[in-house]
Structure formats: structure tokens, C-alpha cells
C-alpha atoms as a PDB file:
ATOM      1  CA  MET A   1       0.008   0.079  -0.211  1.00  0.00           C
ATOM      2  CA  THR A   2       2.699   2.472   0.881  1.00  0.00           C
ATOM      3  CA  ALA A   3       4.818   1.411  -2.186  1.00  0.00           C
ATOM      4  CA  SER A   4       1.817   2.143  -4.427  1.00  0.00           C
ATOM      5  CA  ARG A   5       1.155   5.552  -2.711  1.00  0.00           C
ATOM      6  CA  SER A   6       4.975   6.449  -3.340  1.00  0.00           C
ATOM      7  CA  ALA A   7       4.675   5.326  -6.989  1.00  0.00           C
ATOM      8  CA  THR A   8       1.503   7.445  -7.476  1.00  0.00           C
ATOM      9  CA  THR A   9       3.376  10.462  -5.807  1.00  0.00           C
ATOM     10  CA  ARG A  10       6.412  10.103  -7.962  1.00  0.00           C
ATOM     11  CA  ARG A  11       4.504   9.863 -11.105  1.00  0.00           C
ATOM     12  CA  PRO A  12       3.198  13.397 -11.161  1.00  0.00           C
ATOM     13  CA  ARG A  13       6.382  14.664 -10.202  1.00  0.00           C
ATOM     14  CA  ALA A  14       8.205  12.832 -13.105  1.00  0.00           C
ATOM     15  CA  ARG A  15       5.843  14.424 -15.544  1.00  0.00           C
ATOM     16  CA  TRP A  16       6.966  17.862 -14.637  1.00  0.00           C
ATOM     17  CA  LEU A  17      10.654  17.091 -15.069  1.00  0.00           C
ATOM     18  CA  ALA A  18      10.516  17.736 -18.900  1.00  0.00           C
ATOM     19  CA  PRO A  19       8.961  21.168 -18.836  1.00  0.00           C
ATOM     20  CA  VAL A  20      11.123  22.279 -15.848  1.00  0.00           C
ATOM     21  CA  GLY A  21      14.112  21.252 -17.637  1.00  0.00           C
ATOM     22  CA  LEU A  22      13.148  22.915 -20.605  1.00  0.00           C
ATOM     23  CA  ILE A  23      12.229  26.148 -18.858  1.00  0.00           C
ATOM     24  CA  LEU A  24      15.766  25.940 -17.252  1.00  0.00           C
ATOM     25  CA  LEU A  25      17.409  25.431 -20.577  1.00  0.00           C
ATOM     26  CA  SER A  26      15.351  28.242 -22.124  1.00  0.00           C
ATOM     27  CA  LEU A  27      16.219  30.741 -19.308  1.00  0.00           C
ATOM     28  CA  ILE A  28      19.811  30.977 -20.648  1.00  0.00           C
ATOM     29  CA  PRO A  29      18.766  32.746 -23.771  1.00  0.00           C
ATOM     30  CA  VAL A  30      15.599  34.467 -22.292  1.00  0.00           C
ATOM     31  CA  LEU A  31      17.957  36.108 -19.639  1.00  0.00           C
ATOM     32  CA  ALA A  32      20.417  37.205 -22.053  1.00  0.00           C
ATOM     33  CA  GLY A  33      17.496  38.452 -24.412  1.00  0.00           C
ATOM     34  CA  ALA A  34      16.043  40.319 -21.548  1.00  0.00           C
ATOM     35  CA  ALA A  35      19.456  42.168 -20.992  1.00  0.00           C
ATOM     36  CA  ARG A  36      19.777  42.828 -24.659  1.00  0.00           C
ATOM     37  CA  LEU A  37      16.066  44.256 -24.700  1.00  0.00           C
ATOM     38  CA  THR A  38      16.874  46.585 -21.862  1.00  0.00           C
ATOM     39  CA  GLU A  39      20.083  47.696 -23.717  1.00  0.00           C
ATOM     40  CA  VAL A  40      18.009  48.329 -27.010  1.00  0.00           C
ATOM     41  CA  THR A  41      14.975  50.053 -25.276  1.00  0.00           C
ATOM     42  CA  GLY A  42      17.237  52.090 -22.580  1.00  0.00           C
ATOM     43  CA  GLY A  43      19.275  54.188 -24.710  1.00  0.00           C
ATOM     44  CA  ALA A  44      22.609  52.349 -24.197  1.00  0.00           C
ATOM     45  CA  VAL A  45      25.882  53.684 -25.441  1.00  0.00           C
ATOM     46  CA  ILE A  46      26.702  52.302 -28.937  1.00  0.00           C
ATOM     47  CA  THR A  47      29.411  49.855 -29.082  1.00  0.00           C
ATOM     48  CA  ALA A  48      30.710  47.544 -31.614  1.00  0.00           C
ATOM     49  CA  GLY A  49      28.771  44.607 -29.998  1.00  0.00           C
ATOM     50  CA  ASN A  50      25.416  46.474 -30.142  1.00  0.00           C
ATOM     51  CA  ALA A  51      25.414  48.866 -32.832  1.00  0.00           C
ATOM     52  CA  ARG A  52      23.712  46.541 -35.300  1.00  0.00           C
ATOM     53  CA  PHE A  53      20.884  46.101 -32.870  1.00  0.00           C
ATOM     54  CA  LEU A  54      20.475  49.879 -32.085  1.00  0.00           C
ATOM     55  CA  ASP A  55      20.599  50.706 -35.732  1.00  0.00           C
ATOM     56  CA  SER A  56      17.627  48.420 -36.436  1.00  0.00           C
ATOM     57  CA  PRO A  57      15.947  47.349 -33.220  1.00  0.00           C
ATOM     58  CA  VAL A  58      12.583  46.171 -34.377  1.00  0.00           C
ATOM     59  CA  ALA A  59      13.952  42.803 -35.711  1.00  0.00           C
ATOM     60  CA  VAL A  60      15.839  42.013 -32.533  1.00  0.00           C
ATOM     61  CA  ILE A  61      13.010  43.100 -30.267  1.00  0.00           C
ATOM     62  CA  THR A  62      10.504  41.066 -32.231  1.00  0.00           C
ATOM     63  CA  HIS A  63      12.806  37.970 -32.002  1.00  0.00           C
ATOM     64  CA  ILE A  64      13.548  38.210 -28.223  1.00  0.00           C
ATOM     65  CA  VAL A  65       9.720  38.644 -27.255  1.00  0.00           C
ATOM     66  CA  SER A  66       8.439  35.944 -29.810  1.00  0.00           C
ATOM     67  CA  ALA A  67      11.206  33.355 -28.865  1.00  0.00           C
ATOM     68  CA  THR A  68      10.766  34.004 -25.234  1.00  0.00           C
ATOM     69  CA  ILE A  69       7.025  33.353 -25.446  1.00  0.00           C
ATOM     70  CA  PHE A  70       7.551  30.270 -27.763  1.00  0.00           C
ATOM     71  CA  SER A  71      10.127  28.588 -25.359  1.00  0.00           C
ATOM     72  CA  LEU A  72       8.404  29.153 -22.165  1.00  0.00           C
ATOM     73  CA  VAL A  73       4.827  28.551 -23.218  1.00  0.00           C
ATOM     74  CA  GLY A  74       5.858  25.476 -25.254  1.00  0.00           C
ATOM     75  CA  ALA A  75       7.545  23.895 -22.446  1.00  0.00           C
ATOM     76  CA  PHE A  76       4.129  23.400 -20.672  1.00  0.00           C
ATOM     77  CA  GLN A  77       2.843  21.519 -23.768  1.00  0.00           C
ATOM     78  CA  PHE A  78       4.862  18.610 -22.539  1.00  0.00           C
ATOM     79  CA  VAL A  79       2.743  18.297 -19.263  1.00  0.00           C
ATOM     80  CA  PRO A  80       0.312  15.540 -19.925  1.00  0.00           C
ATOM     81  CA  ALA A  81      -2.298  16.848 -17.699  1.00  0.00           C
ATOM     82  CA  LEU A  82      -2.462  20.332 -19.446  1.00  0.00           C
ATOM     83  CA  ARG A  83      -1.849  18.846 -22.904  1.00  0.00           C
ATOM     84  CA  ARG A  84      -4.977  16.750 -22.479  1.00  0.00           C
ATOM     85  CA  ARG A  85      -7.097  19.961 -21.853  1.00  0.00           C
ATOM     86  CA  GLY A  86      -8.470  20.851 -24.965  1.00  0.00           C
ATOM     87  CA  GLY A  87      -9.144  24.599 -24.110  1.00  0.00           C
ATOM     88  CA  TRP A  88      -5.630  25.011 -22.890  1.00  0.00           C
ATOM     89  CA  HIS A  89      -4.009  23.366 -25.851  1.00  0.00           C
ATOM     90  CA  ARG A  90      -5.808  25.321 -28.340  1.00  0.00           C
ATOM     91  CA  LEU A  91      -5.238  28.500 -26.550  1.00  0.00           C
ATOM     92  CA  ALA A  92      -1.641  27.809 -26.152  1.00  0.00           C
ATOM     93  CA  GLY A  93      -1.415  26.892 -29.981  1.00  0.00           C
ATOM     94  CA  PHE A  94      -2.981  30.226 -30.833  1.00  0.00           C
ATOM     95  CA  VAL A  95      -0.066  31.920 -28.968  1.00  0.00           C
ATOM     96  CA  LEU A  96       2.809  29.510 -29.982  1.00  0.00           C
ATOM     97  CA  ILE A  97       2.274  29.224 -33.691  1.00  0.00           C
ATOM     98  CA  PRO A  98       2.655  32.983 -34.450  1.00  0.00           C
ATOM     99  CA  ALA A  99       5.168  33.373 -31.780  1.00  0.00           C
ATOM    100  CA  GLY A 100       7.251  30.447 -33.532  1.00  0.00           C
ATOM    101  CA  LEU A 101       6.843  32.013 -36.916  1.00  0.00           C
ATOM    102  CA  LEU A 102       7.873  35.354 -35.776  1.00  0.00           C
ATOM    103  CA  ALA A 103      10.874  33.991 -33.887  1.00  0.00           C
ATOM    104  CA  ALA A 104      12.088  32.140 -36.894  1.00  0.00           C
ATOM    105  CA  LEU A 105      11.387  34.826 -39.401  1.00  0.00           C
ATOM    106  CA  SER A 106      13.012  37.580 -37.428  1.00  0.00           C
ATOM    107  CA  GLY A 107      16.103  35.228 -36.919  1.00  0.00           C
ATOM    108  CA  LEU A 108      16.233  34.766 -40.618  1.00  0.00           C
ATOM    109  CA  TRP A 109      16.072  38.512 -41.186  1.00  0.00           C
ATOM    110  CA  MET A 110      18.743  39.272 -38.743  1.00  0.00           C
ATOM    111  CA  SER A 111      21.002  36.507 -40.142  1.00  0.00           C
ATOM    112  CA  VAL A 112      20.732  38.120 -43.622  1.00  0.00           C
ATOM    113  CA  PHE A 113      20.726  41.618 -42.861  1.00  0.00           C
ATOM    114  CA  TYR A 114      22.706  42.334 -39.683  1.00  0.00           C
ATOM    115  CA  PRO A 115      26.563  42.873 -39.749  1.00  0.00           C
ATOM    116  CA  HIS A 116      28.039  39.692 -38.445  1.00  0.00           C
ATOM    117  CA  PRO A 117      30.044  40.008 -35.300  1.00  0.00           C
ATOM    118  CA  PRO A 118      33.476  38.314 -34.953  1.00  0.00           C
ATOM    119  CA  GLY A 119      33.104  34.547 -34.892  1.00  0.00           C
ATOM    120  CA  ASP A 120      29.958  34.511 -37.139  1.00  0.00           C
ATOM    121  CA  GLY A 121      31.265  33.415 -40.504  1.00  0.00           C
ATOM    122  CA  LEU A 122      29.502  32.275 -43.736  1.00  0.00           C
ATOM    123  CA  ALA A 123      29.117  28.745 -42.421  1.00  0.00           C
ATOM    124  CA  LEU A 124      27.126  29.750 -39.336  1.00  0.00           C
ATOM    125  CA  VAL A 125      25.062  32.131 -41.450  1.00  0.00           C
ATOM    126  CA  VAL A 126      24.288  29.196 -43.810  1.00  0.00           C
ATOM    127  CA  LEU A 127      23.556  26.930 -40.730  1.00  0.00           C
ATOM    128  CA  ARG A 128      21.024  29.766 -39.359  1.00  0.00           C
ATOM    129  CA  LEU A 129      19.160  29.789 -42.590  1.00  0.00           C
ATOM    130  CA  ILE A 130      18.893  26.088 -42.832  1.00  0.00           C
ATOM    131  CA  PHE A 131      17.460  25.497 -39.289  1.00  0.00           C
ATOM    132  CA  GLY A 132      15.536  28.790 -39.424  1.00  0.00           C
ATOM    133  CA  CYS A 133      13.689  27.621 -42.644  1.00  0.00           C
ATOM    134  CA  ALA A 134      13.267  24.104 -40.981  1.00  0.00           C
ATOM    135  CA  MET A 135      11.620  25.734 -37.983  1.00  0.00           C
ATOM    136  CA  VAL A 136       9.174  27.653 -40.428  1.00  0.00           C
ATOM    137  CA  ALA A 137       8.504  24.590 -42.413  1.00  0.00           C
ATOM    138  CA  SER A 138       7.821  22.447 -39.263  1.00  0.00           C
ATOM    139  CA  ILE A 139       5.335  25.007 -37.890  1.00  0.00           C
ATOM    140  CA  LEU A 140       3.560  25.123 -41.359  1.00  0.00           C
ATOM    141  CA  LEU A 141       3.549  21.355 -41.547  1.00  0.00           C
ATOM    142  CA  GLY A 142       2.131  21.208 -38.141  1.00  0.00           C
ATOM    143  CA  VAL A 143      -0.680  23.748 -38.844  1.00  0.00           C
ATOM    144  CA  ARG A 144      -1.605  21.832 -42.018  1.00  0.00           C
ATOM    145  CA  ALA A 145      -1.700  18.677 -40.005  1.00  0.00           C
ATOM    146  CA  ILE A 146      -3.895  20.151 -37.506  1.00  0.00           C
ATOM    147  CA  ALA A 147      -6.295  21.563 -40.276  1.00  0.00           C
ATOM    148  CA  ARG A 148      -6.649  17.957 -41.366  1.00  0.00           C
ATOM    149  CA  ARG A 149      -7.246  16.792 -37.903  1.00  0.00           C
ATOM    150  CA  ASP A 150      -4.105  14.654 -38.007  1.00  0.00           C
ATOM    151  CA  PHE A 151      -3.314  15.315 -34.329  1.00  0.00           C
ATOM    152  CA  ILE A 152      -0.248  12.740 -34.246  1.00  0.00           C
ATOM    153  CA  ARG A 153       1.537  14.559 -37.086  1.00  0.00           C
ATOM    154  CA  HIS A 154       0.702  18.026 -35.749  1.00  0.00           C
ATOM    155  CA  GLY A 155       2.349  17.140 -32.460  1.00  0.00           C
ATOM    156  CA  GLU A 156       5.396  15.525 -34.309  1.00  0.00           C
ATOM    157  CA  TRP A 157       6.067  18.616 -36.365  1.00  0.00           C
ATOM    158  CA  MET A 158       5.626  21.074 -33.526  1.00  0.00           C
ATOM    159  CA  THR A 159       7.707  19.097 -31.479  1.00  0.00           C
ATOM    160  CA  ARG A 160      10.647  19.512 -34.012  1.00  0.00           C
ATOM    161  CA  ALA A 161       9.822  23.095 -34.342  1.00  0.00           C
ATOM    162  CA  TYR A 162      10.304  23.433 -30.586  1.00  0.00           C
ATOM    163  CA  ALA A 163      13.503  21.640 -30.532  1.00  0.00           C
ATOM    164  CA  ILE A 164      14.901  23.981 -33.018  1.00  0.00           C
ATOM    165  CA  GLY A 165      13.421  27.001 -31.419  1.00  0.00           C
ATOM    166  CA  VAL A 166      15.043  26.271 -28.047  1.00  0.00           C
ATOM    167  CA  GLY A 167      18.536  25.573 -29.672  1.00  0.00           C
ATOM    168  CA  ALA A 168      19.844  28.710 -28.194  1.00  0.00           C
ATOM    169  CA  GLY A 169      19.808  27.304 -24.911  1.00  0.00           C
ATOM    170  CA  THR A 170      21.839  24.131 -25.912  1.00  0.00           C
ATOM    171  CA  GLN A 171      24.159  26.320 -27.806  1.00  0.00           C
ATOM    172  CA  ALA A 172      24.889  28.514 -24.698  1.00  0.00           C
ATOM    173  CA  ILE A 173      26.059  25.262 -23.037  1.00  0.00           C
ATOM    174  CA  VAL A 174      28.075  23.792 -25.855  1.00  0.00           C
ATOM    175  CA  LEU A 175      29.897  27.025 -26.641  1.00  0.00           C
ATOM    176  CA  ILE A 176      31.414  27.136 -23.259  1.00  0.00           C
ATOM    177  CA  PRO A 177      33.973  24.308 -23.941  1.00  0.00           C
ATOM    178  CA  GLU A 178      34.260  25.540 -27.360  1.00  0.00           C
ATOM    179  CA  SER A 179      35.536  28.998 -26.486  1.00  0.00           C
ATOM    180  CA  ILE A 180      37.776  27.754 -23.919  1.00  0.00           C
ATOM    181  CA  VAL A 181      39.355  25.406 -26.151  1.00  0.00           C
ATOM    182  CA  PHE A 182      39.272  27.159 -29.558  1.00  0.00           C
ATOM    183  CA  GLY A 183      38.526  30.839 -28.679  1.00  0.00           C
ATOM    184  CA  SER A 184      35.297  32.740 -29.070  1.00  0.00           C
ATOM    185  CA  THR A 185      36.154  34.061 -32.580  1.00  0.00           C
ATOM    186  CA  ASN A 186      37.061  30.805 -34.277  1.00  0.00           C
ATOM    187  CA  GLU A 187      34.366  30.839 -37.180  1.00  0.00           C
ATOM    188  CA  LEU A 188      34.646  27.257 -38.112  1.00  0.00           C
ATOM    189  CA  TYR A 189      34.360  25.685 -34.690  1.00  0.00           C
ATOM    190  CA  ARG A 190      31.676  28.051 -33.499  1.00  0.00           C
ATOM    191  CA  ALA A 191      29.495  26.962 -36.509  1.00  0.00           C
ATOM    192  CA  VAL A 192      30.354  23.262 -35.858  1.00  0.00           C
ATOM    193  CA  PHE A 193      29.375  23.636 -32.135  1.00  0.00           C
ATOM    194  CA  MET A 194      26.288  25.539 -32.840  1.00  0.00           C
ATOM    195  CA  GLY A 195      25.103  23.296 -35.692  1.00  0.00           C
ATOM    196  CA  ALA A 196      25.719  20.329 -33.170  1.00  0.00           C
ATOM    197  CA  ALA A 197      23.508  21.939 -30.614  1.00  0.00           C
ATOM    198  CA  TRP A 198      20.613  21.981 -33.047  1.00  0.00           C
ATOM    199  CA  LEU A 199      21.203  18.462 -34.091  1.00  0.00           C
ATOM    200  CA  ILE A 200      21.308  17.472 -30.471  1.00  0.00           C
ATOM    201  CA  ASN A 201      17.972  19.104 -29.824  1.00  0.00           C
ATOM    202  CA  LEU A 202      16.431  17.485 -32.820  1.00  0.00           C
ATOM    203  CA  ALA A 203      17.721  14.059 -31.910  1.00  0.00           C
ATOM    204  CA  VAL A 204      16.171  14.375 -28.434  1.00  0.00           C
ATOM    205  CA  ALA A 205      12.867  15.440 -30.148  1.00  0.00           C
ATOM    206  CA  GLU A 206      12.850  12.418 -32.435  1.00  0.00           C
ATOM    207  CA  LEU A 207      13.355  10.070 -29.297  1.00  0.00           C
ATOM    208  CA  VAL A 208      10.493  11.864 -27.787  1.00  0.00           C
ATOM    209  CA  ILE A 209       8.371  11.296 -30.874  1.00  0.00           C
ATOM    210  CA  ARG A 210       9.302   7.565 -31.065  1.00  0.00           C
ATOM    211  CA  ARG A 211       8.731   7.069 -27.462  1.00  0.00           C
ATOM    212  CA  GLY A 212       5.171   8.701 -27.850  1.00  0.00           C
ATOM    213  CA  ALA A 213       4.578   6.305 -30.697  1.00  0.00           C
ATOM    214  CA  ARG A 214       5.336   3.314 -28.729  1.00  0.00           C
ATOM    215  CA  SER A 215       3.550   4.525 -25.832  1.00  0.00           C
ATOM    216  CA  GLY A 216       0.324   5.161 -28.128  1.00  0.00           C
ATOM    217  CA  ARG A 217       0.629   1.447 -29.450  1.00  0.00           C
ATOM    218  CA  THR A 218       0.879   0.031 -26.104  1.00  0.00           C
ATOM    219  CA  ALA A 219      -1.943   2.083 -24.336  1.00  0.00           C
ATOM    220  CA  PRO A 220      -5.327   0.762 -24.231  1.00  0.00           C
ATOM    221  CA  GLU A 221      -7.784   2.569 -26.415  1.00  0.00           C
ATOM    222  CA  PRO A 222     -10.188   4.797 -24.729  1.00  0.00           C
ATOM    223  CA  ARG A 223     -13.837   3.908 -24.437  1.00  0.00           C
ATOM    224  CA  PRO A 224     -16.091   5.249 -27.273  1.00  0.00           C
ATOM    225  CA  ALA A 225     -18.079   7.783 -25.121  1.00  0.00           C
ATOM    226  CA  ARG A 226     -14.719   9.177 -23.581  1.00  0.00           C
ATOM    227  CA  THR A 227     -13.074   9.235 -27.085  1.00  0.00           C
ATOM    228  CA  ALA A 228     -15.962  11.255 -28.598  1.00  0.00           C
ATOM    229  CA  GLN A 229     -15.990  13.707 -25.556  1.00  0.00           C
ATOM    230  CA  PHE A 230     -12.091  14.111 -25.875  1.00  0.00           C
ATOM    231  CA  ARG A 231     -12.272  14.782 -29.645  1.00  0.00           C
ATOM    232  CA  ALA A 232     -15.094  17.284 -29.131  1.00  0.00           C
ATOM    233  CA  ALA A 233     -12.695  19.186 -26.636  1.00  0.00           C
ATOM    234  CA  GLY A 234     -10.155  19.543 -29.337  1.00  0.00           C
ATOM    235  CA  GLY A 235      -8.033  16.472 -28.536  1.00  0.00           C
ATOM    236  CA  GLY A 236      -7.178  13.651 -30.615  1.00  0.00           C
ATOM    237  CA  ASP A 237      -3.636  12.340 -29.813  1.00  0.00           C
ATOM    238  CA  ARG A 238      -3.578   9.258 -27.727  1.00  0.00           C
ATOM    239  CA  PRO A 239      -2.570   9.297 -24.018  1.00  0.00           C
ATOM    240  CA  GLY A 240       1.116   9.588 -23.484  1.00  0.00           C
ATOM    241  CA  ARG A 241       1.812  11.160 -26.806  1.00  0.00           C
ATOM    242  CA  ALA A 242       4.041  14.367 -26.195  1.00  0.00           C
ATOM    243  CA  ARG A 243       3.121  17.294 -28.700  1.00  0.00           C
ATOM    244  CA  VAL A 244       3.621  21.011 -28.728  1.00  0.00           C
ATOM    245  CA  GLY A 245       1.478  23.552 -30.397  1.00  0.00           C
END
């Protein structure tokens, strides 16, 4: 009896590990973005490091605000109890989809039109364009899937988009050893490590998707009445399937 209660207590806590971890990962770029936002809107002294943002602040402000919303709100989509609430999931989706598109498109704009700081070479620009376009494509494919009421594919594509969107958090971590060993202005290794961070996130996303697929195959099907009620509420994915947006 005691063991059963302990397992029941641990289960809800375990379900919060993923969103808490994602929020902590997102806090790195979120705090850096908040500092940059304060700098841009607070009349900071122009330096070589911030001149491009002060000269054209709209893109960076849009990117910081939209990326912050996308990363923090998206983390809660991995909480099963919240994900299965149709009202919450739809409301979060109405916020996440435009926020994700704005974050990706503003990032693409900055990659093309902002002057490149030391360490950001052509290889890194190409990677940013590739992953930025992949994020936009994933969100649009997620929207198409939900329009077709394909909830499984919707969740898969939005999970991939989220993995790309929170890449800045992983990059902040992997760039620490890179800057120590190779220096912060080495264009080649900076591009390699930043690209690796995006690939790490996408690999984790695929593991989450595959685990959700296995869970969906092994989970018992809900009763017809409950299924109809769940679909009417805007659901559609099987229990245990992680999705975002």
C-alpha cells in the first residue's frame, strides 16, 4: 500500500521534469535576451557589440519577445495533464504558432541583414538559414496537420519546431567548452558547435516522438464515449503522446 502511494506520488512529479528542464534550458537565452532588450530600449551607449541592434531594433525586439513566449509557453505543452485539456492546448497553440513563426522569420532576417560579429562566419549564417527555414517549415506542416485533424503529425512537427526554437539554450552550453578550447572568434568551430547543438535538440525530439509512438501503441484505447468527448474538446492524440502547439 505504501509502495503504491509512493509510486503514485512520484509519477506526477516525473511528468514535470521535462517542462522544468526545458524552462531552465530556455532561461539562458531568455535572460540574455532580456538584457539585450533593456539595452536596446534603454538608450545604451553604442558599441561594436550592440551597434547592429541599435541601428535596427525592430527585428531583435521581435525575435526576443517571440522566442521567449515560444520557449516558455511551449515547455508546458509537455505536461500531459495540461496537454489533454482541449481549451488550454488550443489557447496555447494560438499563441505558440505566431510566436514561433515570428521568432524564426526575425532570426532569418537578422542572419541576412545584420552585420556579422566576430566569430560569425559564412558557415554559421548558412546553418542559421537552414535551421530557421526548417523551423518555419515544421510549424507550417504542423498547422496543415491540425487543419486535417491529424493530431499525431501535428504534435510531431511542432515538437521538431520547438527543438529548433530552443536551440539557443543548448548552444549556450556547448559553446562554453568551445570558447575555452578554440576561442570565441573561431568561425569554423563556432559553426560546428552551434550546428551540433541544433542536431542534439532534434535528436532528442525524435526520441520523444518515437517514445510517444510506442506508448500510443501499447496504451489501451479509450472507451467510445470518452473518445468522442475528448475529440469534441479539441484533443485527438492518444494518451502519453507528447506534442507542442
